Amino acid sequence: MIISGLLNLIYTVLSALLVFELPNMPDSIMTILTQITGYFQTGIQIIASFIGSTAMGVIALLFQLVIFLNAAYFLWSFVFWVIRKIPMLNVRE
């Protein structure tokens, strides 16, 4: 569901930004994405049955923390990359 939503968002943004019309996504791709999403949900349910719902909540929180920290590091690196490109600031590594 998240993957198909992200693909639809990317498709919508690209079709709005580009001058020419993008072709429609084939139904086979959407079917494959639906199956992959189902596999992920089944796997998460199997793991949850072994370790419990409380541990799954903690694992989900830790995954969110890891993703947030990676995004923050990427943003920090990007900002400093842009700042290093401005010569009058004289920022070096």
N, C-alpha and C. Protein backbone atom coordinates (compact mmCIF):
# COMPACT_ATOMS: atom_id res chain seq x y z
N MET A 1 0.82 -1.18 0.00
CA MET A 1 0.00 0.00 0.00
C MET A 1 0.88 1.26 0.00
N ILE A 2 1.89 1.26 0.83
CA ILE A 2 2.79 2.42 0.88
C ILE A 2 3.59 2.52 -0.41
N ILE A 3 4.05 1.37 -0.91
CA ILE A 3 4.85 1.36 -2.13
C ILE A 3 4.02 1.84 -3.31
N SER A 4 2.81 1.34 -3.45
CA SER A 4 1.96 1.77 -4.56
C SER A 4 1.58 3.25 -4.40
N GLY A 5 1.38 3.69 -3.17
CA GLY A 5 1.10 5.11 -2.95
C GLY A 5 2.26 6.00 -3.35
N LEU A 6 3.48 5.57 -3.00
CA LEU A 6 4.67 6.34 -3.39
C LEU A 6 4.84 6.36 -4.91
N LEU A 7 4.61 5.21 -5.56
CA LEU A 7 4.71 5.18 -7.02
C LEU A 7 3.66 6.08 -7.67
N ASN A 8 2.45 6.08 -7.13
CA ASN A 8 1.42 6.97 -7.67
C ASN A 8 1.78 8.43 -7.46
N LEU A 9 2.38 8.75 -6.30
CA LEU A 9 2.81 10.13 -6.03
C LEU A 9 3.90 10.55 -7.01
N ILE A 10 4.89 9.69 -7.21
CA ILE A 10 5.97 10.00 -8.16
C ILE A 10 5.42 10.17 -9.56
N TYR A 11 4.49 9.29 -9.96
CA TYR A 11 3.88 9.37 -11.27
C TYR A 11 3.12 10.68 -11.44
N THR A 12 2.39 11.08 -10.41
CA THR A 12 1.61 12.32 -10.47
C THR A 12 2.52 13.54 -10.56
N VAL A 13 3.59 13.54 -9.77
CA VAL A 13 4.53 14.68 -9.81
C VAL A 13 5.21 14.76 -11.16
N LEU A 14 5.66 13.62 -11.69
CA LEU A 14 6.31 13.63 -12.99
C LEU A 14 5.37 14.05 -14.10
N SER A 15 4.14 13.59 -14.06
CA SER A 15 3.19 13.98 -15.11
C SER A 15 2.83 15.46 -15.01
N ALA A 16 2.89 16.03 -13.81
CA ALA A 16 2.61 17.46 -13.67
C ALA A 16 3.80 18.31 -14.12
N LEU A 17 5.02 17.82 -13.88
CA LEU A 17 6.21 18.60 -14.22
C LEU A 17 6.61 18.51 -15.69
N LEU A 18 6.38 17.36 -16.29
CA LEU A 18 6.82 17.16 -17.66
C LEU A 18 5.78 17.69 -18.64
N VAL A 19 6.27 18.09 -19.81
CA VAL A 19 5.39 18.64 -20.83
C VAL A 19 4.61 17.52 -21.52
N PHE A 20 5.29 16.40 -21.80
CA PHE A 20 4.63 15.31 -22.52
C PHE A 20 3.87 14.40 -21.56
N GLU A 21 2.96 13.62 -22.09
CA GLU A 21 2.11 12.74 -21.30
C GLU A 21 2.82 11.42 -21.01
N LEU A 22 2.85 11.02 -19.76
CA LEU A 22 3.44 9.74 -19.39
C LEU A 22 2.45 8.61 -19.68
N PRO A 23 2.95 7.44 -20.08
CA PRO A 23 2.02 6.32 -20.31
C PRO A 23 1.49 5.79 -18.98
N ASN A 24 0.36 5.14 -19.04
CA ASN A 24 -0.23 4.56 -17.83
C ASN A 24 0.58 3.35 -17.39
N MET A 25 0.62 3.13 -16.08
CA MET A 25 1.33 1.97 -15.55
C MET A 25 0.53 0.71 -15.86
N PRO A 26 1.19 -0.33 -16.34
CA PRO A 26 0.46 -1.56 -16.66
C PRO A 26 -0.12 -2.21 -15.40
N ASP A 27 -1.18 -2.97 -15.60
CA ASP A 27 -1.82 -3.66 -14.48
C ASP A 27 -0.92 -4.73 -13.89
N SER A 28 -0.02 -5.28 -14.70
CA SER A 28 0.88 -6.32 -14.18
C SER A 28 1.82 -5.77 -13.12
N ILE A 29 2.27 -4.54 -13.29
CA ILE A 29 3.14 -3.92 -12.28
C ILE A 29 2.36 -3.69 -10.99
N MET A 30 1.13 -3.22 -11.12
CA MET A 30 0.32 -2.98 -9.92
C MET A 30 0.00 -4.30 -9.21
N THR A 31 -0.21 -5.37 -9.98
CA THR A 31 -0.46 -6.68 -9.38
C THR A 31 0.76 -7.18 -8.63
N ILE A 32 1.94 -7.01 -9.21
CA ILE A 32 3.18 -7.43 -8.56
C ILE A 32 3.40 -6.62 -7.28
N LEU A 33 3.16 -5.33 -7.32
CA LEU A 33 3.31 -4.50 -6.12
C LEU A 33 2.32 -4.90 -5.03
N THR A 34 1.11 -5.27 -5.41
CA THR A 34 0.13 -5.73 -4.44
C THR A 34 0.57 -7.04 -3.80
N GLN A 35 1.14 -7.95 -4.60
CA GLN A 35 1.63 -9.22 -4.06
C GLN A 35 2.80 -8.99 -3.12
N ILE A 36 3.72 -8.12 -3.48
CA ILE A 36 4.88 -7.82 -2.63
C ILE A 36 4.41 -7.24 -1.30
N THR A 37 3.45 -6.32 -1.36
CA THR A 37 2.90 -5.74 -0.13
C THR A 37 2.26 -6.82 0.74
N GLY A 38 1.54 -7.73 0.12
CA GLY A 38 0.94 -8.84 0.86
C GLY A 38 1.99 -9.73 1.51
N TYR A 39 3.10 -9.99 0.80
CA TYR A 39 4.18 -10.79 1.37
C TYR A 39 4.79 -10.11 2.59
N PHE A 40 4.99 -8.79 2.50
CA PHE A 40 5.53 -8.05 3.63
C PHE A 40 4.59 -8.12 4.83
N GLN A 41 3.30 -7.95 4.59
CA GLN A 41 2.33 -8.00 5.69
C GLN A 41 2.31 -9.38 6.33
N THR A 42 2.38 -10.44 5.51
CA THR A 42 2.40 -11.80 6.04
C THR A 42 3.66 -12.03 6.87
N GLY A 43 4.80 -11.57 6.37
CA GLY A 43 6.05 -11.72 7.11
C GLY A 43 6.03 -11.00 8.44
N ILE A 44 5.47 -9.80 8.45
CA ILE A 44 5.38 -9.05 9.70
C ILE A 44 4.45 -9.75 10.68
N GLN A 45 3.36 -10.31 10.19
CA GLN A 45 2.45 -11.05 11.07
C GLN A 45 3.11 -12.29 11.66
N ILE A 46 3.93 -12.98 10.86
CA ILE A 46 4.64 -14.17 11.36
C ILE A 46 5.64 -13.77 12.44
N ILE A 47 6.40 -12.71 12.19
CA ILE A 47 7.37 -12.24 13.19
C ILE A 47 6.64 -11.79 14.45
N ALA A 48 5.50 -11.09 14.30
CA ALA A 48 4.74 -10.62 15.45
C ALA A 48 4.20 -11.78 16.28
N SER A 49 3.87 -12.88 15.62
CA SER A 49 3.36 -14.02 16.38
C SER A 49 4.46 -14.68 17.22
N PHE A 50 5.71 -14.55 16.80
CA PHE A 50 6.81 -15.14 17.56
C PHE A 50 7.28 -14.23 18.70
N ILE A 51 7.32 -12.93 18.48
CA ILE A 51 7.93 -12.05 19.48
C ILE A 51 6.92 -11.19 20.24
N GLY A 52 5.69 -11.12 19.80
CA GLY A 52 4.68 -10.37 20.54
C GLY A 52 4.46 -8.97 20.00
N SER A 53 3.34 -8.40 20.37
CA SER A 53 2.96 -7.09 19.83
C SER A 53 3.76 -5.95 20.46
N THR A 54 4.15 -6.09 21.73
CA THR A 54 4.93 -5.04 22.39
C THR A 54 6.30 -4.91 21.74
N ALA A 55 6.95 -6.05 21.49
CA ALA A 55 8.26 -6.01 20.85
C ALA A 55 8.15 -5.49 19.42
N MET A 56 7.04 -5.81 18.74
CA MET A 56 6.86 -5.29 17.38
C MET A 56 6.71 -3.77 17.40
N GLY A 57 6.06 -3.24 18.42
CA GLY A 57 5.95 -1.79 18.55
C GLY A 57 7.30 -1.14 18.76
N VAL A 58 8.13 -1.79 19.58
CA VAL A 58 9.48 -1.26 19.82
C VAL A 58 10.32 -1.35 18.55
N ILE A 59 10.22 -2.47 17.83
CA ILE A 59 10.98 -2.63 16.58
C ILE A 59 10.54 -1.59 15.56
N ALA A 60 9.22 -1.35 15.44
CA ALA A 60 8.73 -0.33 14.51
C ALA A 60 9.25 1.05 14.89
N LEU A 61 9.28 1.35 16.18
CA LEU A 61 9.81 2.64 16.64
C LEU A 61 11.29 2.77 16.32
N LEU A 62 12.05 1.69 16.51
CA LEU A 62 13.48 1.73 16.20
C LEU A 62 13.73 1.89 14.71
N PHE A 63 12.92 1.22 13.87
CA PHE A 63 13.05 1.41 12.42
C PHE A 63 12.76 2.85 12.03
N GLN A 64 11.74 3.44 12.63
CA GLN A 64 11.44 4.85 12.35
C GLN A 64 12.58 5.75 12.78
N LEU A 65 13.19 5.45 13.91
CA LEU A 65 14.32 6.23 14.40
C LEU A 65 15.51 6.12 13.45
N VAL A 66 15.79 4.93 12.99
CA VAL A 66 16.90 4.73 12.05
C VAL A 66 16.65 5.49 10.75
N ILE A 67 15.44 5.40 10.23
CA ILE A 67 15.11 6.11 9.00
C ILE A 67 15.20 7.62 9.21
N PHE A 68 14.72 8.12 10.34
CA PHE A 68 14.80 9.55 10.63
C PHE A 68 16.25 10.01 10.74
N LEU A 69 17.07 9.23 11.43
CA LEU A 69 18.48 9.63 11.58
C LEU A 69 19.22 9.59 10.25
N ASN A 70 18.92 8.62 9.41
CA ASN A 70 19.54 8.60 8.08
C ASN A 70 19.10 9.78 7.23
N ALA A 71 17.82 10.14 7.32
CA ALA A 71 17.33 11.31 6.59
C ALA A 71 17.98 12.59 7.11
N ALA A 72 18.13 12.68 8.44
CA ALA A 72 18.77 13.87 9.02
C ALA A 72 20.24 13.95 8.59
N TYR A 73 20.94 12.82 8.56
CA TYR A 73 22.33 12.82 8.12
C TYR A 73 22.44 13.22 6.65
N PHE A 74 21.53 12.71 5.82
CA PHE A 74 21.54 13.09 4.40
C PHE A 74 21.29 14.58 4.24
N LEU A 75 20.32 15.11 4.99
CA LEU A 75 20.02 16.54 4.91
C LEU A 75 21.21 17.36 5.38
N TRP A 76 21.85 16.95 6.48
CA TRP A 76 23.03 17.64 7.00
C TRP A 76 24.16 17.63 5.96
N SER A 77 24.40 16.48 5.34
CA SER A 77 25.44 16.37 4.33
C SER A 77 25.13 17.24 3.12
N PHE A 78 23.87 17.25 2.71
CA PHE A 78 23.48 18.06 1.56
C PHE A 78 23.64 19.54 1.84
N VAL A 79 23.23 19.98 3.03
CA VAL A 79 23.35 21.40 3.38
C VAL A 79 24.82 21.81 3.39
N PHE A 80 25.68 20.99 3.99
CA PHE A 80 27.09 21.35 4.01
C PHE A 80 27.73 21.26 2.64
N TRP A 81 27.23 20.36 1.78
CA TRP A 81 27.74 20.30 0.41
C TRP A 81 27.41 21.60 -0.32
N VAL A 82 26.18 22.11 -0.12
CA VAL A 82 25.79 23.37 -0.75
C VAL A 82 26.60 24.52 -0.17
N ILE A 83 26.82 24.54 1.15
CA ILE A 83 27.57 25.62 1.78
C ILE A 83 29.02 25.61 1.30
N ARG A 84 29.60 24.41 1.11
CA ARG A 84 30.98 24.35 0.62
C ARG A 84 31.12 24.86 -0.80
N LYS A 85 30.04 24.89 -1.56
CA LYS A 85 30.08 25.39 -2.94
C LYS A 85 30.09 26.91 -3.00
N ILE A 86 29.80 27.59 -1.90
CA ILE A 86 29.81 29.04 -1.87
C ILE A 86 31.22 29.48 -1.48
N PRO A 87 31.95 30.08 -2.41
CA PRO A 87 33.36 30.37 -2.16
C PRO A 87 33.61 31.43 -1.08
N MET A 88 32.74 32.41 -0.93
CA MET A 88 33.03 33.49 0.02
C MET A 88 32.85 33.04 1.47
N LEU A 89 32.20 31.90 1.72
CA LEU A 89 32.06 31.39 3.09
C LEU A 89 33.34 30.70 3.57
N ASN A 90 34.13 30.21 2.64
CA ASN A 90 35.41 29.57 2.92
C ASN A 90 35.27 28.41 3.91
N VAL A 91 34.30 27.52 3.64
CA VAL A 91 34.06 26.34 4.46
C VAL A 91 34.77 25.15 3.80
N ARG A 92 35.61 24.49 4.56
CA ARG A 92 36.34 23.31 4.06
C ARG A 92 35.93 22.08 4.86
N GLU A 93 36.28 20.93 4.36
CA GLU A 93 35.97 19.68 5.07
C GLU A 93 36.84 19.48 6.27
